[in-house]
Amino acid sequence: MLLDTCALLWLANNHKNISRDVLSRIEDAPSIYISAITCFEIALKCKSGKLTLPIPVKSWLDLVLEHHDISVIEMDRDIALLSVDLPPHHKDPCDRFIIATAMIHNLSVITADENFKIYGIKVLI
């Protein structure tokens, strides 16, 4: 199971936007992941002032990932290349990296973004 950036933020903030069903699936999943691009997105949101965290980004990520037992899938050549080759349904390059990561690793994605479904990915909201 792969968390979109919004899903990681929701999970870290007491699950307010995640349904009970999806929260149960997260808790029962053998492995939960984020893409490394999620770290970039969160840092970028903090730098631009769109997101405020109570501690520095790296420390916040370390705590959240450890607390929820989430692993990071690093960016690699295959993910980078697939993200470029995807049909242009989704314009956000960060989301394209997350979509490519889900496709390569055969993971469902927790996201509120309906555009992910266009790529044939199982989406949980």
PDB file of N, CA and C in Angstrom:
ATOM      1  N   MET A   1       0.844  -1.161   0.000  1.00  0.00           N
ATOM      2  CA  MET A   1       0.000   0.000   0.000  1.00  0.00           C
ATOM      3  C   MET A   1       0.895   1.233   0.000  1.00  0.00           C
ATOM      4  N   LEU A   2       0.570   2.164  -0.899  1.00  0.00           N
ATOM      5  CA  LEU A   2       1.367   3.381  -1.065  1.00  0.00           C
ATOM      6  C   LEU A   2       0.514   4.587  -0.685  1.00  0.00           C
ATOM      7  N   LEU A   3       1.041   5.435   0.172  1.00  0.00           N
ATOM      8  CA  LEU A   3       0.329   6.641   0.575  1.00  0.00           C
ATOM      9  C   LEU A   3       0.719   7.790  -0.343  1.00  0.00           C
ATOM     10  N   ASP A   4      -0.276   8.466  -0.903  1.00  0.00           N
ATOM     11  CA  ASP A   4      -0.043   9.720  -1.600  1.00  0.00           C
ATOM     12  C   ASP A   4       0.368  10.746  -0.541  1.00  0.00           C
ATOM     13  N   THR A   5       0.926  11.846  -0.966  1.00  0.00           N
ATOM     14  CA  THR A   5       1.373  12.875  -0.024  1.00  0.00           C
ATOM     15  C   THR A   5       0.237  13.347   0.874  1.00  0.00           C
ATOM     16  N   CYS A   6      -0.930  13.588   0.282  1.00  0.00           N
ATOM     17  CA  CYS A   6      -2.070  14.045   1.103  1.00  0.00           C
ATOM     18  C   CYS A   6      -2.430  12.987   2.144  1.00  0.00           C
ATOM     19  N   ALA A   7      -2.371  11.715   1.788  1.00  0.00           N
ATOM     20  CA  ALA A   7      -2.716  10.644   2.721  1.00  0.00           C
ATOM     21  C   ALA A   7      -1.719  10.572   3.879  1.00  0.00           C
ATOM     22  N   LEU A   8      -0.440  10.791   3.598  1.00  0.00           N
ATOM     23  CA  LEU A   8       0.543  10.799   4.683  1.00  0.00           C
ATOM     24  C   LEU A   8       0.252  11.952   5.639  1.00  0.00           C
ATOM     25  N   LEU A   9      -0.051  13.111   5.099  1.00  0.00           N
ATOM     26  CA  LEU A   9      -0.375  14.258   5.951  1.00  0.00           C
ATOM     27  C   LEU A   9      -1.631  13.990   6.770  1.00  0.00           C
ATOM     28  N   TRP A  10      -2.638  13.377   6.159  1.00  0.00           N
ATOM     29  CA  TRP A  10      -3.860  13.037   6.897  1.00  0.00           C
ATOM     30  C   TRP A  10      -3.556  12.054   8.020  1.00  0.00           C
ATOM     31  N   LEU A  11      -2.781  11.025   7.693  1.00  0.00           N
ATOM     32  CA  LEU A  11      -2.452  10.004   8.683  1.00  0.00           C
ATOM     33  C   LEU A  11      -1.707  10.629   9.865  1.00  0.00           C
ATOM     34  N   ALA A  12      -0.800  11.534   9.575  1.00  0.00           N
ATOM     35  CA  ALA A  12      -0.018  12.188  10.627  1.00  0.00           C
ATOM     36  C   ALA A  12      -0.863  13.120  11.475  1.00  0.00           C
ATOM     37  N   ASN A  13      -1.994  13.562  10.933  1.00  0.00           N
ATOM     38  CA  ASN A  13      -2.861  14.502  11.647  1.00  0.00           C
ATOM     39  C   ASN A  13      -4.151  13.843  12.101  1.00  0.00           C
ATOM     40  N   ASN A  14      -4.024  12.688  12.711  1.00  0.00           N
ATOM     41  CA  ASN A  14      -5.146  11.994  13.348  1.00  0.00           C
ATOM     42  C   ASN A  14      -6.204  11.476  12.392  1.00  0.00           C
ATOM     43  N   HIS A  15      -5.815  11.168  11.174  1.00  0.00           N
ATOM     44  CA  HIS A  15      -6.694  10.438  10.252  1.00  0.00           C
ATOM     45  C   HIS A  15      -8.010  11.136   9.931  1.00  0.00           C
ATOM     46  N   LYS A  16      -8.109  12.422  10.061  1.00  0.00           N
ATOM     47  CA  LYS A  16      -9.391  13.119   9.903  1.00  0.00           C
ATOM     48  C   LYS A  16     -10.024  12.946   8.527  1.00  0.00           C
ATOM     49  N   ASN A  17      -9.245  12.796   7.489  1.00  0.00           N
ATOM     50  CA  ASN A  17      -9.793  12.683   6.138  1.00  0.00           C
ATOM     51  C   ASN A  17      -9.750  11.260   5.596  1.00  0.00           C
ATOM     52  N   ILE A  18      -9.350  10.310   6.417  1.00  0.00           N
ATOM     53  CA  ILE A  18      -9.266   8.920   5.976  1.00  0.00           C
ATOM     54  C   ILE A  18     -10.445   8.151   6.565  1.00  0.00           C
ATOM     55  N   SER A  19     -11.147   7.428   5.707  1.00  0.00           N
ATOM     56  CA  SER A  19     -12.311   6.660   6.180  1.00  0.00           C
ATOM     57  C   SER A  19     -11.861   5.569   7.155  1.00  0.00           C
ATOM     58  N   ARG A  20     -12.784   5.129   7.964  1.00  0.00           N
ATOM     59  CA  ARG A  20     -12.477   4.060   8.928  1.00  0.00           C
ATOM     60  C   ARG A  20     -12.031   2.788   8.208  1.00  0.00           C
ATOM     61  N   ASP A  21     -12.668   2.496   7.079  1.00  0.00           N
ATOM     62  CA  ASP A  21     -12.310   1.313   6.294  1.00  0.00           C
ATOM     63  C   ASP A  21     -10.861   1.387   5.828  1.00  0.00           C
ATOM     64  N   VAL A  22     -10.482   2.523   5.264  1.00  0.00           N
ATOM     65  CA  VAL A  22      -9.112   2.679   4.774  1.00  0.00           C
ATOM     66  C   VAL A  22      -8.131   2.695   5.938  1.00  0.00           C
ATOM     67  N   LEU A  23      -8.489   3.331   7.029  1.00  0.00           N
ATOM     68  CA  LEU A  23      -7.623   3.339   8.209  1.00  0.00           C
ATOM     69  C   LEU A  23      -7.387   1.915   8.713  1.00  0.00           C
ATOM     70  N   SER A  24      -8.436   1.095   8.713  1.00  0.00           N
ATOM     71  CA  SER A  24      -8.288  -0.313   9.114  1.00  0.00           C
ATOM     72  C   SER A  24      -7.358  -1.051   8.167  1.00  0.00           C
ATOM     73  N   ARG A  25      -7.487  -0.768   6.877  1.00  0.00           N
ATOM     74  CA  ARG A  25      -6.602  -1.417   5.897  1.00  0.00           C
ATOM     75  C   ARG A  25      -5.144  -1.006   6.116  1.00  0.00           C
ATOM     76  N   ILE A  26      -4.928   0.260   6.446  1.00  0.00           N
ATOM     77  CA  ILE A  26      -3.568   0.723   6.734  1.00  0.00           C
ATOM     78  C   ILE A  26      -3.019  -0.021   7.946  1.00  0.00           C
ATOM     79  N   GLU A  27      -3.821  -0.102   8.990  1.00  0.00           N
ATOM     80  CA  GLU A  27      -3.378  -0.760  10.224  1.00  0.00           C
ATOM     81  C   GLU A  27      -3.114  -2.244  10.020  1.00  0.00           C
ATOM     82  N   ASP A  28      -3.873  -2.888   9.113  1.00  0.00           N
ATOM     83  CA  ASP A  28      -3.736  -4.328   8.875  1.00  0.00           C
ATOM     84  C   ASP A  28      -2.737  -4.674   7.766  1.00  0.00           C
ATOM     85  N   ALA A  29      -2.305  -3.681   7.014  1.00  0.00           N
ATOM     86  CA  ALA A  29      -1.414  -3.947   5.875  1.00  0.00           C
ATOM     87  C   ALA A  29      -0.057  -4.450   6.364  1.00  0.00           C
ATOM     88  N   PRO A  30       0.500  -5.435   5.661  1.00  0.00           N
ATOM     89  CA  PRO A  30       1.826  -5.927   6.060  1.00  0.00           C
ATOM     90  C   PRO A  30       2.927  -4.889   5.832  1.00  0.00           C
ATOM     91  N   SER A  31       2.734  -4.021   4.841  1.00  0.00           N
ATOM     92  CA  SER A  31       3.734  -2.989   4.546  1.00  0.00           C
ATOM     93  C   SER A  31       3.045  -1.732   4.026  1.00  0.00           C
ATOM     94  N   ILE A  32       3.506  -0.598   4.507  1.00  0.00           N
ATOM     95  CA  ILE A  32       3.015   0.707   4.057  1.00  0.00           C
ATOM     96  C   ILE A  32       4.220   1.482   3.544  1.00  0.00           C
ATOM     97  N   TYR A  33       4.019   2.164   2.416  1.00  0.00           N
ATOM     98  CA  TYR A  33       5.111   2.889   1.777  1.00  0.00           C
ATOM     99  C   TYR A  33       4.698   4.308   1.406  1.00  0.00           C
ATOM    100  N   ILE A  34       5.703   5.137   1.229  1.00  0.00           N
ATOM    101  CA  ILE A  34       5.559   6.394   0.512  1.00  0.00           C
ATOM    102  C   ILE A  34       6.643   6.417  -0.544  1.00  0.00           C
ATOM    103  N   SER A  35       6.432   7.221  -1.553  1.00  0.00           N
ATOM    104  CA  SER A  35       7.473   7.470  -2.547  1.00  0.00           C
ATOM    105  C   SER A  35       8.412   8.533  -1.983  1.00  0.00           C
ATOM    106  N   ALA A  36       9.677   8.477  -2.362  1.00  0.00           N
ATOM    107  CA  ALA A  36      10.627   9.509  -1.940  1.00  0.00           C
ATOM    108  C   ALA A  36      10.172  10.893  -2.393  1.00  0.00           C
ATOM    109  N   ILE A  37       9.409  10.955  -3.485  1.00  0.00           N
ATOM    110  CA  ILE A  37       8.932  12.248  -3.979  1.00  0.00           C
ATOM    111  C   ILE A  37       7.995  12.907  -2.972  1.00  0.00           C
ATOM    112  N   THR A  38       7.352  12.124  -2.108  1.00  0.00           N
ATOM    113  CA  THR A  38       6.500  12.684  -1.067  1.00  0.00           C
ATOM    114  C   THR A  38       7.320  13.540  -0.106  1.00  0.00           C
ATOM    115  N   CYS A  39       8.530  13.117   0.196  1.00  0.00           N
ATOM    116  CA  CYS A  39       9.418  13.915   1.055  1.00  0.00           C
ATOM    117  C   CYS A  39       9.717  15.260   0.392  1.00  0.00           C
ATOM    118  N   PHE A  40       9.973  15.224  -0.907  1.00  0.00           N
ATOM    119  CA  PHE A  40      10.215  16.436  -1.681  1.00  0.00           C
ATOM    120  C   PHE A  40       8.991  17.344  -1.626  1.00  0.00           C
ATOM    121  N   GLU A  41       7.804  16.777  -1.856  1.00  0.00           N
ATOM    122  CA  GLU A  41       6.577  17.587  -1.861  1.00  0.00           C
ATOM    123  C   GLU A  41       6.334  18.258  -0.513  1.00  0.00           C
ATOM    124  N   ILE A  42       6.533  17.522   0.563  1.00  0.00           N
ATOM    125  CA  ILE A  42       6.309  18.088   1.893  1.00  0.00           C
ATOM    126  C   ILE A  42       7.324  19.183   2.183  1.00  0.00           C
ATOM    127  N   ALA A  43       8.577  18.944   1.857  1.00  0.00           N
ATOM    128  CA  ALA A  43       9.609  19.961   2.065  1.00  0.00           C
ATOM    129  C   ALA A  43       9.321  21.213   1.236  1.00  0.00           C
ATOM    130  N   LEU A  44       8.881  21.022   0.008  1.00  0.00           N
ATOM    131  CA  LEU A  44       8.558  22.137  -0.873  1.00  0.00           C
ATOM    132  C   LEU A  44       7.380  22.945  -0.331  1.00  0.00           C
ATOM    133  N   LYS A  45       6.351  22.247   0.163  1.00  0.00           N
ATOM    134  CA  LYS A  45       5.192  22.931   0.753  1.00  0.00           C
ATOM    135  C   LYS A  45       5.611  23.746   1.980  1.00  0.00           C
ATOM    136  N   CYS A  46       6.510  23.210   2.777  1.00  0.00           N
ATOM    137  CA  CYS A  46       6.999  23.942   3.952  1.00  0.00           C
ATOM    138  C   CYS A  46       7.812  25.166   3.524  1.00  0.00           C
ATOM    139  N   LYS A  47       8.688  24.978   2.564  1.00  0.00           N
ATOM    140  CA  LYS A  47       9.542  26.071   2.089  1.00  0.00           C
ATOM    141  C   LYS A  47       8.717  27.214   1.506  1.00  0.00           C
ATOM    142  N   SER A  48       7.613  26.866   0.821  1.00  0.00           N
ATOM    143  CA  SER A  48       6.773  27.891   0.184  1.00  0.00           C
ATOM    144  C   SER A  48       5.768  28.512   1.145  1.00  0.00           C
ATOM    145  N   GLY A  49       5.667  27.964   2.362  1.00  0.00           N
ATOM    146  CA  GLY A  49       4.733  28.502   3.342  1.00  0.00           C
ATOM    147  C   GLY A  49       3.328  27.913   3.262  1.00  0.00           C
ATOM    148  N   LYS A  50       3.130  26.922   2.392  1.00  0.00           N
ATOM    149  CA  LYS A  50       1.810  26.297   2.260  1.00  0.00           C
ATOM    150  C   LYS A  50       1.546  25.252   3.343  1.00  0.00           C
ATOM    151  N   LEU A  51       2.593  24.851   4.042  1.00  0.00           N
ATOM    152  CA  LEU A  51       2.476  23.856   5.107  1.00  0.00           C
ATOM    153  C   LEU A  51       3.403  24.272   6.235  1.00  0.00           C
ATOM    154  N   THR A  52       2.891  24.186   7.453  1.00  0.00           N
ATOM    155  CA  THR A  52       3.699  24.483   8.630  1.00  0.00           C
ATOM    156  C   THR A  52       3.746  23.233   9.495  1.00  0.00           C
ATOM    157  N   LEU A  53       4.947  22.826   9.838  1.00  0.00           N
ATOM    158  CA  LEU A  53       5.137  21.671  10.717  1.00  0.00           C
ATOM    159  C   LEU A  53       5.707  22.163  12.044  1.00  0.00           C
ATOM    160  N   PRO A  54       5.457  21.442  13.128  1.00  0.00           N
ATOM    161  CA  PRO A  54       5.923  21.900  14.439  1.00  0.00           C
ATOM    162  C   PRO A  54       7.434  21.748  14.652  1.00  0.00           C
ATOM    163  N   ILE A  55       8.080  20.952  13.810  1.00  0.00           N
ATOM    164  CA  ILE A  55       9.522  20.715  13.901  1.00  0.00           C
ATOM    165  C   ILE A  55      10.080  20.693  12.474  1.00  0.00           C
ATOM    166  N   PRO A  56      11.404  20.697  12.303  1.00  0.00           N
ATOM    167  CA  PRO A  56      11.973  20.656  10.956  1.00  0.00           C
ATOM    168  C   PRO A  56      11.470  19.451  10.149  1.00  0.00           C
ATOM    169  N   VAL A  57      11.386  19.633   8.840  1.00  0.00           N
ATOM    170  CA  VAL A  57      10.803  18.625   7.951  1.00  0.00           C
ATOM    171  C   VAL A  57      11.434  17.249   8.138  1.00  0.00           C
ATOM    172  N   LYS A  58      12.752  17.162   8.122  1.00  0.00           N
ATOM    173  CA  LYS A  58      13.406  15.859   8.237  1.00  0.00           C
ATOM    174  C   LYS A  58      13.029  15.179   9.554  1.00  0.00           C
ATOM    175  N   SER A  59      13.048  15.922  10.632  1.00  0.00           N
ATOM    176  CA  SER A  59      12.689  15.358  11.941  1.00  0.00           C
ATOM    177  C   SER A  59      11.235  14.910  11.948  1.00  0.00           C
ATOM    178  N   TRP A  60      10.351  15.726  11.360  1.00  0.00           N
ATOM    179  CA  TRP A  60       8.930  15.384  11.294  1.00  0.00           C
ATOM    180  C   TRP A  60       8.731  14.102  10.502  1.00  0.00           C
ATOM    181  N   LEU A  61       9.360  14.025   9.327  1.00  0.00           N
ATOM    182  CA  LEU A  61       9.243  12.819   8.507  1.00  0.00           C
ATOM    183  C   LEU A  61       9.774  11.596   9.246  1.00  0.00           C
ATOM    184  N   ASP A  62      10.932  11.731   9.876  1.00  0.00           N
ATOM    185  CA  ASP A  62      11.505  10.609  10.623  1.00  0.00           C
ATOM    186  C   ASP A  62      10.530  10.104  11.685  1.00  0.00           C
ATOM    187  N   LEU A  63       9.935  11.020  12.431  1.00  0.00           N
ATOM    188  CA  LEU A  63       8.995  10.633  13.492  1.00  0.00           C
ATOM    189  C   LEU A  63       7.733   9.979  12.932  1.00  0.00           C
ATOM    190  N   VAL A  64       7.151  10.573  11.897  1.00  0.00           N
ATOM    191  CA  VAL A  64       5.911  10.043  11.318  1.00  0.00           C
ATOM    192  C   VAL A  64       6.149   8.672  10.699  1.00  0.00           C
ATOM    193  N   LEU A  65       7.230   8.536   9.948  1.00  0.00           N
ATOM    194  CA  LEU A  65       7.519   7.257   9.300  1.00  0.00           C
ATOM    195  C   LEU A  65       7.775   6.165  10.328  1.00  0.00           C
ATOM    196  N   GLU A  66       8.512   6.498  11.362  1.00  0.00           N
ATOM    197  CA  GLU A  66       8.787   5.507  12.414  1.00  0.00           C
ATOM    198  C   GLU A  66       7.507   5.153  13.179  1.00  0.00           C
ATOM    199  N   HIS A  67       6.743   6.161  13.547  1.00  0.00           N
ATOM    200  CA  HIS A  67       5.523   5.938  14.330  1.00  0.00           C
ATOM    201  C   HIS A  67       4.524   5.044  13.593  1.00  0.00           C
ATOM    202  N   HIS A  68       4.392   5.233  12.276  1.00  0.00           N
ATOM    203  CA  HIS A  68       3.424   4.466  11.489  1.00  0.00           C
ATOM    204  C   HIS A  68       4.063   3.287  10.745  1.00  0.00           C
ATOM    205  N   ASP A  69       5.340   3.057  11.001  1.00  0.00           N
ATOM    206  CA  ASP A  69       6.072   1.954  10.364  1.00  0.00           C
ATOM    207  C   ASP A  69       5.952   2.007   8.838  1.00  0.00           C
ATOM    208  N   ILE A  70       6.274   3.160   8.291  1.00  0.00           N
ATOM    209  CA  ILE A  70       6.198   3.412   6.850  1.00  0.00           C
ATOM    210  C   ILE A  70       7.607   3.407   6.267  1.00  0.00           C
ATOM    211  N   SER A  71       7.752   2.723   5.150  1.00  0.00           N
ATOM    212  CA  SER A  71       9.033   2.681   4.441  1.00  0.00           C
ATOM    213  C   SER A  71       8.980   3.601   3.229  1.00  0.00           C
ATOM    214  N   VAL A  72      10.145   4.073   2.824  1.00  0.00           N
ATOM    215  CA  VAL A  72      10.250   4.954   1.660  1.00  0.00           C
ATOM    216  C   VAL A  72      10.764   4.156   0.478  1.00  0.00           C
ATOM    217  N   ILE A  73      10.049   4.254  -0.642  1.00  0.00           N
ATOM    218  CA  ILE A  73      10.528   3.657  -1.890  1.00  0.00           C
ATOM    219  C   ILE A  73      11.320   4.742  -2.609  1.00  0.00           C
ATOM    220  N   GLU A  74      12.592   4.486  -2.762  1.00  0.00           N
ATOM    221  CA  GLU A  74      13.476   5.473  -3.385  1.00  0.00           C
ATOM    222  C   GLU A  74      13.185   5.600  -4.875  1.00  0.00           C
ATOM    223  N   MET A  75      13.490   6.766  -5.402  1.00  0.00           N
ATOM    224  CA  MET A  75      13.368   6.999  -6.838  1.00  0.00           C
ATOM    225  C   MET A  75      14.467   6.206  -7.542  1.00  0.00           C
ATOM    226  N   ASP A  76      14.114   5.616  -8.668  1.00  0.00           N
ATOM    227  CA  ASP A  76      15.129   4.948  -9.470  1.00  0.00           C
ATOM    228  C   ASP A  76      14.868   5.217 -10.948  1.00  0.00           C
ATOM    229  N   ARG A  77      15.721   4.695 -11.780  1.00  0.00           N
ATOM    230  CA  ARG A  77      15.633   4.933 -13.220  1.00  0.00           C
ATOM    231  C   ARG A  77      14.300   4.463 -13.789  1.00  0.00           C
ATOM    232  N   ASP A  78      13.835   3.287 -13.391  1.00  0.00           N
ATOM    233  CA  ASP A  78      12.589   2.754 -13.937  1.00  0.00           C
ATOM    234  C   ASP A  78      11.389   3.629 -13.580  1.00  0.00           C
ATOM    235  N   ILE A  79      11.346   4.103 -12.350  1.00  0.00           N
ATOM    236  CA  ILE A  79      10.262   4.987 -11.928  1.00  0.00           C
ATOM    237  C   ILE A  79      10.321   6.305 -12.702  1.00  0.00           C
ATOM    238  N   ALA A  80      11.519   6.858 -12.821  1.00  0.00           N
ATOM    239  CA  ALA A  80      11.679   8.125 -13.546  1.00  0.00           C
ATOM    240  C   ALA A  80      11.240   7.994 -14.999  1.00  0.00           C
ATOM    241  N   LEU A  81      11.664   6.925 -15.644  1.00  0.00           N
ATOM    242  CA  LEU A  81      11.321   6.744 -17.059  1.00  0.00           C
ATOM    243  C   LEU A  81       9.840   6.476 -17.255  1.00  0.00           C
ATOM    244  N   LEU A  82       9.245   5.641 -16.401  1.00  0.00           N
ATOM    245  CA  LEU A  82       7.820   5.356 -16.535  1.00  0.00           C
ATOM    246  C   LEU A  82       6.988   6.612 -16.296  1.00  0.00           C
ATOM    247  N   SER A  83       7.401   7.443 -15.352  1.00  0.00           N
ATOM    248  CA  SER A  83       6.630   8.660 -15.062  1.00  0.00           C
ATOM    249  C   SER A  83       6.538   9.566 -16.289  1.00  0.00           C
ATOM    250  N   VAL A  84       7.550   9.531 -17.123  1.00  0.00           N
ATOM    251  CA  VAL A  84       7.559  10.334 -18.352  1.00  0.00           C
ATOM    252  C   VAL A  84       6.729   9.661 -19.446  1.00  0.00           C
ATOM    253  N   ASP A  85       6.726   8.338 -19.478  1.00  0.00           N
ATOM    254  CA  ASP A  85       6.010   7.589 -20.518  1.00  0.00           C
ATOM    255  C   ASP A  85       4.511   7.440 -20.267  1.00  0.00           C
ATOM    256  N   LEU A  86       4.046   7.768 -19.065  1.00  0.00           N
ATOM    257  CA  LEU A  86       2.623   7.638 -18.770  1.00  0.00           C
ATOM    258  C   LEU A  86       1.800   8.555 -19.677  1.00  0.00           C
ATOM    259  N   PRO A  87       0.592   8.118 -20.035  1.00  0.00           N
ATOM    260  CA  PRO A  87      -0.296   9.017 -20.783  1.00  0.00           C
ATOM    261  C   PRO A  87      -0.499  10.310 -19.986  1.00  0.00           C
ATOM    262  N   PRO A  88      -0.727  11.411 -20.674  1.00  0.00           N
ATOM    263  CA  PRO A  88      -0.762  12.723 -20.006  1.00  0.00           C
ATOM    264  C   PRO A  88      -2.061  13.058 -19.275  1.00  0.00           C
ATOM    265  N   HIS A  89      -2.717  12.074 -18.678  1.00  0.00           N
ATOM    266  CA  HIS A  89      -3.946  12.350 -17.933  1.00  0.00           C
ATOM    267  C   HIS A  89      -3.674  13.232 -16.721  1.00  0.00           C
ATOM    268  N   HIS A  90      -2.535  13.019 -16.108  1.00  0.00           N
ATOM    269  CA  HIS A  90      -2.178  13.758 -14.899  1.00  0.00           C
ATOM    270  C   HIS A  90      -0.969  14.625 -15.206  1.00  0.00           C
ATOM    271  N   LYS A  91      -1.085  15.919 -14.931  1.00  0.00           N
ATOM    272  CA  LYS A  91      -0.010  16.868 -15.259  1.00  0.00           C
ATOM    273  C   LYS A  91       1.003  17.057 -14.132  1.00  0.00           C
ATOM    274  N   ASP A  92       0.619  16.797 -12.896  1.00  0.00           N
ATOM    275  CA  ASP A  92       1.511  17.026 -11.753  1.00  0.00           C
ATOM    276  C   ASP A  92       2.652  16.011 -11.787  1.00  0.00           C
ATOM    277  N   PRO A  93       3.896  16.479 -11.958  1.00  0.00           N
ATOM    278  CA  PRO A  93       5.013  15.526 -12.054  1.00  0.00           C
ATOM    279  C   PRO A  93       5.215  14.696 -10.784  1.00  0.00           C
ATOM    280  N   CYS A  94       4.946  15.267  -9.620  1.00  0.00           N
ATOM    281  CA  CYS A  94       5.101  14.496  -8.376  1.00  0.00           C
ATOM    282  C   CYS A  94       4.099  13.350  -8.336  1.00  0.00           C
ATOM    283  N   ASP A  95       2.862  13.628  -8.717  1.00  0.00           N
ATOM    284  CA  ASP A  95       1.862  12.559  -8.742  1.00  0.00           C
ATOM    285  C   ASP A  95       2.209  11.518  -9.793  1.00  0.00           C
ATOM    286  N   ARG A  96       2.796  11.925 -10.901  1.00  0.00           N
ATOM    287  CA  ARG A  96       3.211  10.972 -11.932  1.00  0.00           C
ATOM    288  C   ARG A  96       4.295  10.028 -11.377  1.00  0.00           C
ATOM    289  N   PHE A  97       5.195  10.552 -10.538  1.00  0.00           N
ATOM    290  CA  PHE A  97       6.200   9.701  -9.890  1.00  0.00           C
ATOM    291  C   PHE A  97       5.519   8.703  -8.946  1.00  0.00           C
ATOM    292  N   ILE A  98       4.524   9.168  -8.196  1.00  0.00           N
ATOM    293  CA  ILE A  98       3.813   8.284  -7.275  1.00  0.00           C
ATOM    294  C   ILE A  98       3.048   7.211  -8.054  1.00  0.00           C
ATOM    295  N   ILE A  99       2.411   7.601  -9.141  1.00  0.00           N
ATOM    296  CA  ILE A  99       1.699   6.645  -9.991  1.00  0.00           C
ATOM    297  C   ILE A  99       2.663   5.606 -10.547  1.00  0.00           C
ATOM    298  N   ALA A 100       3.797   6.055 -11.061  1.00  0.00           N
ATOM    299  CA  ALA A 100       4.801   5.127 -11.610  1.00  0.00           C
ATOM    300  C   ALA A 100       5.316   4.185 -10.526  1.00  0.00           C
ATOM    301  N   THR A 101       5.528   4.699  -9.330  1.00  0.00           N
ATOM    302  CA  THR A 101       5.986   3.871  -8.208  1.00  0.00           C
ATOM    303  C   THR A 101       4.959   2.781  -7.902  1.00  0.00           C
ATOM    304  N   ALA A 102       3.686   3.169  -7.857  1.00  0.00           N
ATOM    305  CA  ALA A 102       2.615   2.196  -7.584  1.00  0.00           C
ATOM    306  C   ALA A 102       2.557   1.136  -8.680  1.00  0.00           C
ATOM    307  N   MET A 103       2.697   1.548  -9.916  1.00  0.00           N
ATOM    308  CA  MET A 103       2.624   0.598 -11.020  1.00  0.00           C
ATOM    309  C   MET A 103       3.787  -0.393 -10.985  1.00  0.00           C
ATOM    310  N   ILE A 104       4.980   0.100 -10.796  1.00  0.00           N
ATOM    311  CA  ILE A 104       6.167  -0.764 -10.798  1.00  0.00           C
ATOM    312  C   ILE A 104       6.156  -1.733  -9.619  1.00  0.00           C
ATOM    313  N   HIS A 105       5.687  -1.267  -8.480  1.00  0.00           N
ATOM    314  CA  HIS A 105       5.687  -2.103  -7.274  1.00  0.00           C
ATOM    315  C   HIS A 105       4.341  -2.795  -7.023  1.00  0.00           C
ATOM    316  N   ASN A 106       3.424  -2.618  -7.965  1.00  0.00           N
ATOM    317  CA  ASN A 106       2.101  -3.259  -7.886  1.00  0.00           C
ATOM    318  C   ASN A 106       1.413  -2.969  -6.548  1.00  0.00           C
ATOM    319  N   LEU A 107       1.300  -1.677  -6.234  1.00  0.00           N
ATOM    320  CA  LEU A 107       0.709  -1.250  -4.972  1.00  0.00           C
ATOM    321  C   LEU A 107      -0.564  -0.453  -5.210  1.00  0.00           C
ATOM    322  N   SER A 108      -1.528  -0.615  -4.320  1.00  0.00           N
ATOM    323  CA  SER A 108      -2.682   0.276  -4.330  1.00  0.00           C
ATOM    324  C   SER A 108      -2.238   1.596  -3.696  1.00  0.00           C
ATOM    325  N   VAL A 109      -2.982   2.661  -4.013  1.00  0.00           N
ATOM    326  CA  VAL A 109      -2.614   3.991  -3.522  1.00  0.00           C
ATOM    327  C   VAL A 109      -3.754   4.569  -2.696  1.00  0.00           C
ATOM    328  N   ILE A 110      -3.405   5.135  -1.562  1.00  0.00           N
ATOM    329  CA  ILE A 110      -4.381   5.867  -0.774  1.00  0.00           C
ATOM    330  C   ILE A 110      -4.240   7.329  -1.176  1.00  0.00           C
ATOM    331  N   THR A 111      -5.291   7.846  -1.798  1.00  0.00           N
ATOM    332  CA  THR A 111      -5.299   9.218  -2.290  1.00  0.00           C
ATOM    333  C   THR A 111      -6.727   9.683  -2.489  1.00  0.00           C
ATOM    334  N   ALA A 112      -6.904  10.988  -2.488  1.00  0.00           N
ATOM    335  CA  ALA A 112      -8.203  11.566  -2.819  1.00  0.00           C
ATOM    336  C   ALA A 112      -8.244  11.971  -4.288  1.00  0.00           C
ATOM    337  N   ASP A 113      -7.151  11.777  -4.988  1.00  0.00           N
ATOM    338  CA  ASP A 113      -7.034  12.192  -6.386  1.00  0.00           C
ATOM    339  C   ASP A 113      -7.622  11.126  -7.304  1.00  0.00           C
ATOM    340  N   GLU A 114      -8.770  11.411  -7.871  1.00  0.00           N
ATOM    341  CA  GLU A 114      -9.471  10.462  -8.749  1.00  0.00           C
ATOM    342  C   GLU A 114      -8.689  10.171 -10.035  1.00  0.00           C
ATOM    343  N   ASN A 115      -7.780  11.054 -10.423  1.00  0.00           N
ATOM    344  CA  ASN A 115      -7.014  10.849 -11.656  1.00  0.00           C
ATOM    345  C   ASN A 115      -6.120   9.610 -11.607  1.00  0.00           C
ATOM    346  N   PHE A 116      -5.784   9.142 -10.419  1.00  0.00           N
ATOM    347  CA  PHE A 116      -4.937   7.956 -10.303  1.00  0.00           C
ATOM    348  C   PHE A 116      -5.625   6.736 -10.911  1.00  0.00           C
ATOM    349  N   LYS A 117      -6.950   6.672 -10.774  1.00  0.00           N
ATOM    350  CA  LYS A 117      -7.703   5.521 -11.290  1.00  0.00           C
ATOM    351  C   LYS A 117      -7.581   5.391 -12.805  1.00  0.00           C
ATOM    352  N   ILE A 118      -7.409   6.489 -13.502  1.00  0.00           N
ATOM    353  CA  ILE A 118      -7.309   6.475 -14.963  1.00  0.00           C
ATOM    354  C   ILE A 118      -6.154   5.579 -15.415  1.00  0.00           C
ATOM    355  N   TYR A 119      -5.153   5.439 -14.573  1.00  0.00           N
ATOM    356  CA  TYR A 119      -3.968   4.641 -14.908  1.00  0.00           C
ATOM    357  C   TYR A 119      -4.117   3.175 -14.527  1.00  0.00           C
ATOM    358  N   GLY A 120      -5.296   2.792 -14.076  1.00  0.00           N
ATOM    359  CA  GLY A 120      -5.532   1.389 -13.734  1.00  0.00           C
ATOM    360  C   GLY A 120      -5.016   0.991 -12.369  1.00  0.00           C
ATOM    361  N   ILE A 121      -4.769   1.968 -11.533  1.00  0.00           N
ATOM    362  CA  ILE A 121      -4.263   1.716 -10.183  1.00  0.00           C
ATOM    363  C   ILE A 121      -5.446   1.580  -9.233  1.00  0.00           C
ATOM    364  N   LYS A 122      -5.347   0.636  -8.312  1.00  0.00           N
ATOM    365  CA  LYS A 122      -6.379   0.515  -7.277  1.00  0.00           C
ATOM    366  C   LYS A 122      -6.201   1.684  -6.317  1.00  0.00           C
ATOM    367  N   VAL A 123      -7.269   2.446  -6.121  1.00  0.00           N
ATOM    368  CA  VAL A 123      -7.227   3.631  -5.274  1.00  0.00           C
ATOM    369  C   VAL A 123      -8.143   3.440  -4.081  1.00  0.00           C
ATOM    370  N   LEU A 124      -7.631   3.775  -2.920  1.00  0.00           N
ATOM    371  CA  LEU A 124      -8.420   3.760  -1.682  1.00  0.00           C
ATOM    372  C   LEU A 124      -8.477   5.178  -1.157  1.00  0.00           C
ATOM    373  N   ILE A 125      -9.661   5.622  -0.781  1.00  0.00           N
ATOM    374  CA  ILE A 125      -9.806   6.993  -0.294  1.00  0.00           C
ATOM    375  C   ILE A 125     -10.274   6.970   1.144  1.00  0.00           C
TER     376      ILE A 125
END
